[in-house]
Amino acid sequence: MPKRKSRITVKVERGKHTIYRFYVDGKVWNWLDQGTRPHIIVPVRAKMLRFQKGFVAKTQVGRLASGQGGKFGPYTFRDVVLHPGTKARGWSALIVKRGQRTARQNIATALARAAGEVRRKGSR
């Protein structure tokens, strides 16, 4: 199966406040980030679906890391599958939260540096 690349675009809007928004144009990213409802899968280019029975997800809900996972077990054939849906990983919210924390840290560091420079200049 070919790798599916996701393109991330960051949009900066300036007004009263600077707002950073990011957009991901990858179907798989969106399916995992937002989750999917239960749905039916039918073959498109074949008469039957073929897949391995076992599966362990590489990613988890609420985590930006991935681990070992994948397919395992014997192959099975079906003409239709009722997929149970995918739990939303919530990556977008985690990225925003992490970005806000980083922004606060950067602002605090910049203010501390500026305060240190003012003290040094005032003591001359």
N, C-alpha and C. Protein backbone atom coordinates (compact mmCIF):
# COMPACT_ATOMS: atom_id res chain seq x y z
N MET A 1 0.85 -1.18 0.00
CA MET A 1 0.00 0.00 0.00
C MET A 1 0.90 1.24 0.00
N PRO A 2 0.66 2.19 -0.90
CA PRO A 2 1.50 3.39 -0.95
C PRO A 2 1.27 4.28 0.27
N LYS A 3 2.33 4.98 0.66
CA LYS A 3 2.22 5.92 1.77
C LYS A 3 1.35 7.09 1.34
N ARG A 4 0.49 7.54 2.25
CA ARG A 4 -0.36 8.69 1.96
C ARG A 4 0.21 9.89 2.70
N LYS A 5 0.70 10.86 1.95
CA LYS A 5 1.28 12.06 2.56
C LYS A 5 0.17 13.05 2.87
N SER A 6 0.32 13.73 4.00
CA SER A 6 -0.59 14.80 4.37
C SER A 6 0.17 16.11 4.26
N ARG A 7 -0.45 17.11 3.66
CA ARG A 7 0.18 18.42 3.55
C ARG A 7 -0.42 19.32 4.61
N ILE A 8 0.44 19.95 5.40
CA ILE A 8 -0.01 20.83 6.47
C ILE A 8 0.24 22.27 6.04
N THR A 9 -0.78 23.10 6.11
CA THR A 9 -0.68 24.50 5.77
C THR A 9 -0.96 25.31 7.02
N VAL A 10 -0.07 26.26 7.32
CA VAL A 10 -0.28 27.13 8.47
C VAL A 10 -0.71 28.49 7.93
N LYS A 11 -1.79 29.01 8.46
CA LYS A 11 -2.31 30.30 8.03
C LYS A 11 -2.24 31.26 9.22
N VAL A 12 -1.63 32.41 9.02
CA VAL A 12 -1.50 33.40 10.08
C VAL A 12 -2.44 34.55 9.75
N GLU A 13 -3.32 34.87 10.66
CA GLU A 13 -4.23 36.00 10.49
C GLU A 13 -3.89 37.05 11.52
N ARG A 14 -3.65 38.26 11.09
CA ARG A 14 -3.31 39.33 12.02
C ARG A 14 -4.47 40.31 12.09
N GLY A 15 -4.78 40.70 13.25
CA GLY A 15 -5.84 41.67 13.51
C GLY A 15 -5.55 42.19 14.90
N LYS A 16 -6.56 42.19 15.72
CA LYS A 16 -6.34 42.57 17.11
C LYS A 16 -5.40 41.56 17.77
N HIS A 17 -5.52 40.30 17.39
CA HIS A 17 -4.66 39.25 17.90
C HIS A 17 -4.13 38.46 16.71
N THR A 18 -2.97 37.87 16.88
CA THR A 18 -2.44 36.99 15.84
C THR A 18 -3.00 35.60 16.08
N ILE A 19 -3.56 35.04 15.04
CA ILE A 19 -4.18 33.72 15.13
C ILE A 19 -3.45 32.79 14.16
N TYR A 20 -3.05 31.65 14.65
CA TYR A 20 -2.43 30.65 13.80
C TYR A 20 -3.43 29.53 13.61
N ARG A 21 -3.67 29.19 12.37
CA ARG A 21 -4.55 28.07 12.07
C ARG A 21 -3.81 27.12 11.16
N PHE A 22 -4.00 25.85 11.36
CA PHE A 22 -3.35 24.91 10.46
C PHE A 22 -4.41 24.03 9.82
N TYR A 23 -4.13 23.67 8.60
CA TYR A 23 -5.05 22.85 7.82
C TYR A 23 -4.28 21.63 7.32
N VAL A 24 -4.89 20.49 7.39
CA VAL A 24 -4.27 19.27 6.90
C VAL A 24 -5.16 18.72 5.79
N ASP A 25 -4.56 18.51 4.63
CA ASP A 25 -5.36 17.99 3.53
C ASP A 25 -5.01 16.53 3.27
N GLY A 26 -5.16 15.73 4.29
CA GLY A 26 -4.94 14.30 4.14
C GLY A 26 -6.15 13.56 4.67
N LYS A 27 -6.76 12.74 3.83
CA LYS A 27 -7.96 12.02 4.25
C LYS A 27 -7.70 11.16 5.48
N VAL A 28 -6.58 10.44 5.47
CA VAL A 28 -6.29 9.53 6.58
C VAL A 28 -6.09 10.32 7.87
N TRP A 29 -5.36 11.45 7.79
CA TRP A 29 -5.17 12.30 8.98
C TRP A 29 -6.53 12.70 9.55
N ASN A 30 -7.40 13.19 8.70
CA ASN A 30 -8.72 13.64 9.16
C ASN A 30 -9.55 12.50 9.73
N TRP A 31 -9.49 11.33 9.11
CA TRP A 31 -10.24 10.19 9.63
C TRP A 31 -9.77 9.84 11.04
N LEU A 32 -8.44 9.84 11.24
CA LEU A 32 -7.90 9.49 12.55
C LEU A 32 -8.08 10.62 13.56
N ASP A 33 -7.88 11.85 13.13
CA ASP A 33 -8.01 12.99 14.04
C ASP A 33 -9.44 13.16 14.52
N GLN A 34 -10.40 13.07 13.61
CA GLN A 34 -11.80 13.32 13.93
C GLN A 34 -12.60 12.05 14.20
N GLY A 35 -12.05 10.92 13.82
CA GLY A 35 -12.76 9.66 13.99
C GLY A 35 -13.74 9.41 12.86
N THR A 36 -14.25 8.20 12.81
CA THR A 36 -15.25 7.85 11.80
C THR A 36 -16.39 7.08 12.47
N ARG A 37 -17.53 7.16 11.86
CA ARG A 37 -18.69 6.39 12.36
C ARG A 37 -18.60 4.97 11.79
N PRO A 38 -19.35 4.06 12.36
CA PRO A 38 -19.40 2.72 11.76
C PRO A 38 -19.87 2.84 10.30
N HIS A 39 -19.26 2.05 9.43
CA HIS A 39 -19.60 2.12 8.01
C HIS A 39 -19.37 0.78 7.34
N ILE A 40 -20.00 0.63 6.21
CA ILE A 40 -19.90 -0.61 5.43
C ILE A 40 -18.77 -0.45 4.41
N ILE A 41 -17.96 -1.50 4.27
CA ILE A 41 -16.90 -1.53 3.27
C ILE A 41 -17.24 -2.63 2.28
N VAL A 42 -17.23 -2.27 1.00
CA VAL A 42 -17.49 -3.25 -0.07
C VAL A 42 -16.33 -3.21 -1.05
N PRO A 43 -16.05 -4.30 -1.72
CA PRO A 43 -14.95 -4.30 -2.70
C PRO A 43 -15.27 -3.39 -3.88
N VAL A 44 -14.23 -2.73 -4.39
CA VAL A 44 -14.40 -1.82 -5.52
C VAL A 44 -13.77 -2.41 -6.78
N ARG A 45 -12.52 -2.90 -6.66
CA ARG A 45 -11.82 -3.42 -7.83
C ARG A 45 -11.63 -4.94 -7.79
N ALA A 46 -12.34 -5.60 -6.90
CA ALA A 46 -12.23 -7.05 -6.77
C ALA A 46 -13.60 -7.61 -6.38
N LYS A 47 -13.71 -8.93 -6.42
CA LYS A 47 -14.98 -9.56 -6.04
C LYS A 47 -15.11 -9.72 -4.54
N MET A 48 -13.95 -9.82 -3.84
CA MET A 48 -13.95 -10.06 -2.40
C MET A 48 -12.94 -9.13 -1.73
N LEU A 49 -13.19 -8.87 -0.46
CA LEU A 49 -12.22 -8.17 0.37
C LEU A 49 -11.31 -9.22 1.00
N ARG A 50 -10.02 -8.95 1.06
CA ARG A 50 -9.05 -9.86 1.67
C ARG A 50 -8.26 -9.07 2.70
N PHE A 51 -8.24 -9.54 3.93
CA PHE A 51 -7.51 -8.84 4.98
C PHE A 51 -7.16 -9.80 6.09
N GLN A 52 -6.20 -9.37 6.91
CA GLN A 52 -5.80 -10.18 8.05
C GLN A 52 -6.74 -9.88 9.21
N LYS A 53 -7.07 -10.90 9.98
CA LYS A 53 -8.06 -10.76 11.06
C LYS A 53 -7.60 -9.88 12.21
N GLY A 54 -6.33 -9.93 12.58
CA GLY A 54 -5.85 -9.17 13.72
C GLY A 54 -5.33 -7.80 13.33
N PHE A 55 -5.48 -6.83 14.25
CA PHE A 55 -4.98 -5.48 14.00
C PHE A 55 -4.75 -4.78 15.33
N VAL A 56 -3.61 -4.10 15.43
CA VAL A 56 -3.30 -3.25 16.59
C VAL A 56 -2.94 -1.88 16.03
N ALA A 57 -3.63 -0.84 16.48
CA ALA A 57 -3.38 0.52 15.99
C ALA A 57 -2.01 1.00 16.42
N LYS A 58 -1.34 1.77 15.55
CA LYS A 58 -0.04 2.34 15.88
C LYS A 58 -0.18 3.61 16.70
N THR A 59 -1.34 4.25 16.64
CA THR A 59 -1.56 5.50 17.37
C THR A 59 -2.66 5.30 18.40
N GLN A 60 -2.69 6.20 19.39
CA GLN A 60 -3.68 6.10 20.46
C GLN A 60 -4.42 7.42 20.61
N VAL A 61 -5.58 7.34 21.20
CA VAL A 61 -6.38 8.53 21.48
C VAL A 61 -5.63 9.40 22.48
N GLY A 62 -5.53 10.70 22.17
CA GLY A 62 -4.92 11.65 23.09
C GLY A 62 -3.40 11.63 23.15
N ARG A 63 -2.73 11.01 22.18
CA ARG A 63 -1.26 10.97 22.17
C ARG A 63 -0.75 11.34 20.79
N LEU A 64 0.33 12.14 20.76
CA LEU A 64 0.93 12.55 19.49
C LEU A 64 2.06 11.62 19.06
N ALA A 65 2.25 10.53 19.76
CA ALA A 65 3.31 9.58 19.42
C ALA A 65 2.68 8.35 18.77
N SER A 66 3.53 7.58 18.13
CA SER A 66 3.05 6.31 17.57
C SER A 66 3.98 5.21 18.04
N GLY A 67 3.50 4.00 17.99
CA GLY A 67 4.28 2.86 18.44
C GLY A 67 4.15 1.72 17.46
N GLN A 68 4.46 0.55 17.96
CA GLN A 68 4.35 -0.62 17.11
C GLN A 68 2.88 -0.97 16.93
N GLY A 69 2.58 -1.49 15.82
CA GLY A 69 1.22 -1.91 15.53
C GLY A 69 1.18 -2.49 14.14
N GLY A 70 0.02 -2.85 13.70
CA GLY A 70 -0.12 -3.38 12.36
C GLY A 70 -1.05 -4.57 12.32
N LYS A 71 -1.01 -5.25 11.19
CA LYS A 71 -1.89 -6.40 10.95
C LYS A 71 -1.19 -7.68 11.34
N PHE A 72 -1.98 -8.66 11.72
CA PHE A 72 -1.42 -9.97 12.04
C PHE A 72 -2.53 -11.01 11.91
N GLY A 73 -2.12 -12.27 11.95
CA GLY A 73 -3.08 -13.36 11.93
C GLY A 73 -3.40 -13.86 10.54
N PRO A 74 -4.30 -14.83 10.48
CA PRO A 74 -4.65 -15.42 9.18
C PRO A 74 -5.48 -14.46 8.32
N TYR A 75 -5.39 -14.67 7.03
CA TYR A 75 -6.18 -13.88 6.10
C TYR A 75 -7.60 -14.40 6.06
N THR A 76 -8.52 -13.51 5.81
CA THR A 76 -9.92 -13.88 5.66
C THR A 76 -10.49 -13.16 4.43
N PHE A 77 -11.54 -13.70 3.88
CA PHE A 77 -12.17 -13.12 2.69
C PHE A 77 -13.62 -12.82 3.01
N ARG A 78 -14.08 -11.66 2.61
CA ARG A 78 -15.47 -11.26 2.83
C ARG A 78 -15.96 -10.47 1.63
N ASP A 79 -17.27 -10.55 1.37
CA ASP A 79 -17.83 -9.73 0.29
C ASP A 79 -18.34 -8.39 0.82
N VAL A 80 -18.44 -8.25 2.14
CA VAL A 80 -18.82 -6.98 2.76
C VAL A 80 -18.35 -7.00 4.22
N VAL A 81 -17.99 -5.84 4.74
CA VAL A 81 -17.53 -5.74 6.13
C VAL A 81 -18.21 -4.54 6.78
N LEU A 82 -18.69 -4.73 7.99
CA LEU A 82 -19.21 -3.61 8.77
C LEU A 82 -18.07 -3.14 9.67
N HIS A 83 -17.44 -2.02 9.28
CA HIS A 83 -16.33 -1.45 10.06
C HIS A 83 -16.92 -0.78 11.29
N PRO A 84 -16.35 -1.02 12.47
CA PRO A 84 -16.93 -0.46 13.70
C PRO A 84 -16.70 1.04 13.87
N GLY A 85 -15.92 1.65 13.00
CA GLY A 85 -15.60 3.07 13.13
C GLY A 85 -14.25 3.23 13.82
N THR A 86 -13.76 4.44 13.83
CA THR A 86 -12.46 4.74 14.41
C THR A 86 -12.63 5.79 15.50
N LYS A 87 -12.03 5.56 16.66
CA LYS A 87 -12.09 6.56 17.73
C LYS A 87 -11.23 7.76 17.34
N ALA A 88 -11.75 8.95 17.56
CA ALA A 88 -11.02 10.18 17.23
C ALA A 88 -9.76 10.28 18.09
N ARG A 89 -8.62 10.52 17.46
CA ARG A 89 -7.37 10.66 18.19
C ARG A 89 -7.25 12.04 18.84
N GLY A 90 -7.88 13.06 18.26
CA GLY A 90 -7.85 14.41 18.84
C GLY A 90 -6.52 15.12 18.69
N TRP A 91 -5.77 14.82 17.62
CA TRP A 91 -4.46 15.42 17.43
C TRP A 91 -4.51 16.93 17.28
N SER A 92 -5.50 17.44 16.57
CA SER A 92 -5.58 18.89 16.34
C SER A 92 -5.62 19.64 17.66
N ALA A 93 -6.46 19.21 18.57
CA ALA A 93 -6.57 19.87 19.87
C ALA A 93 -5.27 19.76 20.65
N LEU A 94 -4.59 18.62 20.56
CA LEU A 94 -3.31 18.45 21.26
C LEU A 94 -2.24 19.39 20.69
N ILE A 95 -2.23 19.55 19.38
CA ILE A 95 -1.25 20.42 18.74
C ILE A 95 -1.51 21.87 19.12
N VAL A 96 -2.77 22.27 19.14
CA VAL A 96 -3.10 23.65 19.55
C VAL A 96 -2.68 23.87 21.00
N LYS A 97 -2.99 22.93 21.86
CA LYS A 97 -2.65 23.06 23.28
C LYS A 97 -1.14 23.15 23.46
N ARG A 98 -0.40 22.29 22.76
CA ARG A 98 1.05 22.32 22.85
C ARG A 98 1.60 23.64 22.30
N GLY A 99 1.01 24.13 21.22
CA GLY A 99 1.44 25.40 20.64
C GLY A 99 1.20 26.56 21.58
N GLN A 100 0.08 26.56 22.27
CA GLN A 100 -0.21 27.62 23.23
C GLN A 100 0.79 27.59 24.38
N ARG A 101 1.12 26.42 24.87
CA ARG A 101 2.08 26.29 25.95
C ARG A 101 3.45 26.80 25.50
N THR A 102 3.87 26.44 24.28
CA THR A 102 5.15 26.88 23.74
C THR A 102 5.15 28.39 23.56
N ALA A 103 4.04 28.94 23.06
CA ALA A 103 3.95 30.39 22.87
C ALA A 103 4.08 31.11 24.21
N ARG A 104 3.41 30.62 25.24
CA ARG A 104 3.51 31.24 26.57
C ARG A 104 4.94 31.20 27.08
N GLN A 105 5.62 30.07 26.87
CA GLN A 105 7.01 29.94 27.32
C GLN A 105 7.91 30.92 26.56
N ASN A 106 7.69 31.05 25.25
CA ASN A 106 8.50 31.97 24.45
C ASN A 106 8.28 33.42 24.88
N ILE A 107 7.04 33.78 25.17
CA ILE A 107 6.73 35.14 25.61
C ILE A 107 7.38 35.41 26.96
N ALA A 108 7.27 34.46 27.89
CA ALA A 108 7.87 34.63 29.21
C ALA A 108 9.38 34.79 29.10
N THR A 109 10.02 34.00 28.24
CA THR A 109 11.47 34.10 28.05
C THR A 109 11.85 35.46 27.46
N ALA A 110 11.09 35.91 26.46
CA ALA A 110 11.37 37.21 25.84
C ALA A 110 11.20 38.34 26.85
N LEU A 111 10.16 38.28 27.68
CA LEU A 111 9.95 39.32 28.70
C LEU A 111 11.07 39.30 29.72
N ALA A 112 11.52 38.13 30.13
CA ALA A 112 12.61 38.03 31.10
C ALA A 112 13.90 38.59 30.52
N ARG A 113 14.17 38.31 29.26
CA ARG A 113 15.37 38.86 28.60
C ARG A 113 15.27 40.38 28.52
N ALA A 114 14.10 40.87 28.11
CA ALA A 114 13.92 42.32 28.00
C ALA A 114 14.09 42.98 29.37
N ALA A 115 13.53 42.38 30.41
CA ALA A 115 13.66 42.94 31.77
C ALA A 115 15.12 42.94 32.19
N GLY A 116 15.86 41.90 31.86
CA GLY A 116 17.29 41.83 32.20
C GLY A 116 18.07 42.91 31.48
N GLU A 117 17.75 43.16 30.21
CA GLU A 117 18.45 44.21 29.45
C GLU A 117 18.14 45.58 30.03
N VAL A 118 16.90 45.82 30.45
CA VAL A 118 16.52 47.10 31.04
C VAL A 118 17.29 47.31 32.34
N ARG A 119 17.41 46.29 33.16
CA ARG A 119 18.15 46.38 34.43
C ARG A 119 19.62 46.68 34.17
N ARG A 120 20.20 46.01 33.18
CA ARG A 120 21.62 46.24 32.87
C ARG A 120 21.86 47.66 32.39
N LYS A 121 20.98 48.15 31.51
CA LYS A 121 21.13 49.51 30.98
C LYS A 121 20.92 50.54 32.08
N GLY A 122 19.99 50.28 33.00
CA GLY A 122 19.70 51.21 34.09
C GLY A 122 20.80 51.27 35.14
N SER A 123 21.62 50.24 35.23
CA SER A 123 22.66 50.20 36.26
C SER A 123 23.96 50.84 35.80
N ARG A 124 24.03 51.30 34.56
CA ARG A 124 25.28 51.91 34.04
C ARG A 124 25.45 53.29 34.52
